[in-house]
């Protein structure tokens, strides 16, 4: 399993006029144990399709364990999603990661 540290959620492509719930969510951060990246290299994942607690599976089939969150992203979450739960870090109400049926 790939460990993703200093991670945050961002959007893939699209334009700034696409509403958040219609944008494709991806993860970004420093990867450790990734077969195609050096440890600590900053990466962007393919779209998130499944989330189980602190483990995210992407469209490419890669599985990421979410480590520490990016401090700036955490501050943004605290302001915009006060009920955010570190045990279910991609569950953000109506703006959850889109895709598979097991999203939290």
C-alpha atoms as a PDB file:
ATOM      1  CA  UNK A   1       0.000   0.000   0.000  1.00  0.00           C
ATOM      2  CA  UNK A   2       1.234   3.487  -0.846  1.00  0.00           C
ATOM      3  CA  UNK A   3       1.411   5.976   2.023  1.00  0.00           C
ATOM      4  CA  UNK A   4       0.400   9.552   1.170  1.00  0.00           C
ATOM      5  CA  UNK A   5       1.684  12.246   3.520  1.00  0.00           C
ATOM      6  CA  UNK A   6       1.036  15.985   3.535  1.00  0.00           C
ATOM      7  CA  UNK A   7      -2.010  15.204   1.413  1.00  0.00           C
ATOM      8  CA  UNK A   8      -4.953  17.233   0.212  1.00  0.00           C
ATOM      9  CA  UNK A   9      -7.876  16.853  -2.166  1.00  0.00           C
ATOM     10  CA  UNK A  10      -7.843  18.780  -5.418  1.00  0.00           C
ATOM     11  CA  UNK A  11      -9.614  18.669  -8.761  1.00  0.00           C
ATOM     12  CA  UNK A  12      -8.467  17.113 -12.037  1.00  0.00           C
ATOM     13  CA  UNK A  13      -8.691  19.315 -15.106  1.00  0.00           C
ATOM     14  CA  UNK A  14     -12.007  20.964 -15.693  1.00  0.00           C
ATOM     15  CA  UNK A  15     -12.611  24.651 -15.677  1.00  0.00           C
ATOM     16  CA  UNK A  16     -13.222  27.067 -12.804  1.00  0.00           C
ATOM     17  CA  UNK A  17     -16.933  27.288 -13.682  1.00  0.00           C
ATOM     18  CA  UNK A  18     -17.639  23.602 -13.042  1.00  0.00           C
ATOM     19  CA  UNK A  19     -19.492  23.236  -9.718  1.00  0.00           C
ATOM     20  CA  UNK A  20     -17.515  21.391  -7.003  1.00  0.00           C
ATOM     21  CA  UNK A  21     -19.876  18.423  -6.907  1.00  0.00           C
ATOM     22  CA  UNK A  22     -19.328  17.830 -10.650  1.00  0.00           C
ATOM     23  CA  UNK A  23     -15.535  18.054 -10.574  1.00  0.00           C
ATOM     24  CA  UNK A  24     -13.327  14.979 -10.479  1.00  0.00           C
ATOM     25  CA  UNK A  25     -11.593  14.701  -7.117  1.00  0.00           C
ATOM     26  CA  UNK A  26      -7.999  13.507  -6.861  1.00  0.00           C
ATOM     27  CA  UNK A  27      -5.436  13.392  -4.078  1.00  0.00           C
ATOM     28  CA  UNK A  28      -2.051  15.043  -3.999  1.00  0.00           C
ATOM     29  CA  UNK A  29       0.800  14.746  -1.562  1.00  0.00           C
ATOM     30  CA  UNK A  30       4.142  13.096  -0.829  1.00  0.00           C
ATOM     31  CA  UNK A  31       4.073   9.393  -1.729  1.00  0.00           C
ATOM     32  CA  UNK A  32       6.046   6.659   0.022  1.00  0.00           C
ATOM     33  CA  UNK A  33       6.196   3.147  -1.368  1.00  0.00           C
ATOM     34  CA  UNK A  34       4.878   4.138  -4.803  1.00  0.00           C
ATOM     35  CA  UNK A  35       6.231   1.827  -7.523  1.00  0.00           C
ATOM     36  CA  UNK A  36       6.784   4.674 -10.021  1.00  0.00           C
ATOM     37  CA  UNK A  37       7.952   7.478  -7.730  1.00  0.00           C
ATOM     38  CA  UNK A  38      10.823   8.120  -5.374  1.00  0.00           C
ATOM     39  CA  UNK A  39       9.915   8.125  -1.685  1.00  0.00           C
ATOM     40  CA  UNK A  40       8.720  11.572  -0.677  1.00  0.00           C
ATOM     41  CA  UNK A  41       8.009  12.695  -4.248  1.00  0.00           C
ATOM     42  CA  UNK A  42       4.986  14.984  -4.650  1.00  0.00           C
ATOM     43  CA  UNK A  43       2.338  13.270  -6.786  1.00  0.00           C
ATOM     44  CA  UNK A  44      -1.236  13.630  -8.025  1.00  0.00           C
ATOM     45  CA  UNK A  45      -3.355  10.488  -8.064  1.00  0.00           C
ATOM     46  CA  UNK A  46      -5.886   9.362 -10.605  1.00  0.00           C
ATOM     47  CA  UNK A  47      -9.548   9.988  -9.593  1.00  0.00           C
ATOM     48  CA  UNK A  48     -10.651   8.562  -6.258  1.00  0.00           C
ATOM     49  CA  UNK A  49     -13.259   5.830  -6.776  1.00  0.00           C
ATOM     50  CA  UNK A  50     -13.523   4.186  -3.356  1.00  0.00           C
ATOM     51  CA  UNK A  51     -12.915   5.276   0.212  1.00  0.00           C
ATOM     52  CA  UNK A  52     -12.822   3.116   3.319  1.00  0.00           C
ATOM     53  CA  UNK A  53     -11.851   5.142   6.374  1.00  0.00           C
ATOM     54  CA  UNK A  54      -8.308   6.387   5.754  1.00  0.00           C
ATOM     55  CA  UNK A  55      -7.708   4.208   2.681  1.00  0.00           C
ATOM     56  CA  UNK A  56      -8.499   5.489  -0.810  1.00  0.00           C
ATOM     57  CA  UNK A  57      -8.522   3.498  -4.049  1.00  0.00           C
ATOM     58  CA  UNK A  58      -8.069   5.348  -7.312  1.00  0.00           C
ATOM     59  CA  UNK A  59      -9.293   4.705 -10.839  1.00  0.00           C
ATOM     60  CA  UNK A  60      -5.889   3.242 -11.756  1.00  0.00           C
ATOM     61  CA  UNK A  61      -6.239   0.660  -8.965  1.00  0.00           C
ATOM     62  CA  UNK A  62      -3.622   2.194  -6.673  1.00  0.00           C
ATOM     63  CA  UNK A  63      -4.434   2.040  -2.966  1.00  0.00           C
ATOM     64  CA  UNK A  64      -3.337   4.902  -0.716  1.00  0.00           C
ATOM     65  CA  UNK A  65      -3.193   5.040   3.051  1.00  0.00           C
ATOM     66  CA  UNK A  66      -3.679   8.636   4.129  1.00  0.00           C
ATOM     67  CA  UNK A  67      -1.078   9.839   6.595  1.00  0.00           C
ATOM     68  CA  UNK A  68      -0.783  13.394   7.902  1.00  0.00           C
ATOM     69  CA  UNK A  69      -2.872  16.000   6.167  1.00  0.00           C
ATOM     70  CA  UNK A  70      -1.430  19.177   4.636  1.00  0.00           C
ATOM     71  CA  UNK A  71      -1.704  21.841   7.387  1.00  0.00           C
ATOM     72  CA  UNK A  72      -3.119  24.492   5.032  1.00  0.00           C
ATOM     73  CA  UNK A  73      -5.716  22.064   3.718  1.00  0.00           C
ATOM     74  CA  UNK A  74      -6.635  21.097   7.301  1.00  0.00           C
ATOM     75  CA  UNK A  75      -7.153  24.766   8.187  1.00  0.00           C
ATOM     76  CA  UNK A  76      -9.427  25.140   5.149  1.00  0.00           C
ATOM     77  CA  UNK A  77     -11.400  22.028   6.170  1.00  0.00           C
ATOM     78  CA  UNK A  78     -11.754  23.295   9.730  1.00  0.00           C
ATOM     79  CA  UNK A  79     -13.217  26.549   8.442  1.00  0.00           C
ATOM     80  CA  UNK A  80     -15.484  25.069   5.746  1.00  0.00           C
ATOM     81  CA  UNK A  81     -16.351  21.636   7.198  1.00  0.00           C
ATOM     82  CA  UNK A  82     -16.340  21.974  11.000  1.00  0.00           C
ATOM     83  CA  UNK A  83     -17.695  18.415  11.415  1.00  0.00           C
ATOM     84  CA  UNK A  84     -14.750  16.934   9.455  1.00  0.00           C
ATOM     85  CA  UNK A  85     -13.642  13.604  10.955  1.00  0.00           C
ATOM     86  CA  UNK A  86      -9.978  12.552  10.711  1.00  0.00           C
ATOM     87  CA  UNK A  87     -11.080   8.878  10.794  1.00  0.00           C
ATOM     88  CA  UNK A  88     -13.074   9.437   7.585  1.00  0.00           C
ATOM     89  CA  UNK A  89     -10.974  12.190   5.981  1.00  0.00           C
ATOM     90  CA  UNK A  90     -12.623  12.186   2.557  1.00  0.00           C
ATOM     91  CA  UNK A  91     -16.171  12.372   3.898  1.00  0.00           C
ATOM     92  CA  UNK A  92     -17.001  16.052   3.530  1.00  0.00           C
ATOM     93  CA  UNK A  93     -20.773  16.041   3.207  1.00  0.00           C
ATOM     94  CA  UNK A  94     -22.123  16.928  -0.199  1.00  0.00           C
ATOM     95  CA  UNK A  95     -18.610  17.426  -1.634  1.00  0.00           C
ATOM     96  CA  UNK A  96     -17.367  13.892  -0.944  1.00  0.00           C
ATOM     97  CA  UNK A  97     -15.000  12.160  -3.329  1.00  0.00           C
ATOM     98  CA  UNK A  98     -17.071  10.909  -6.217  1.00  0.00           C
ATOM     99  CA  UNK A  99     -17.034   7.476  -7.715  1.00  0.00           C
ATOM    100  CA  UNK A 100     -17.604   3.988  -6.334  1.00  0.00           C
ATOM    101  CA  UNK A 101     -20.382   2.907  -4.053  1.00  0.00           C
ATOM    102  CA  UNK A 102     -18.339   2.724  -0.865  1.00  0.00           C
ATOM    103  CA  UNK A 103     -17.589   6.421  -0.486  1.00  0.00           C
ATOM    104  CA  UNK A 104     -17.989   7.688   3.030  1.00  0.00           C
END
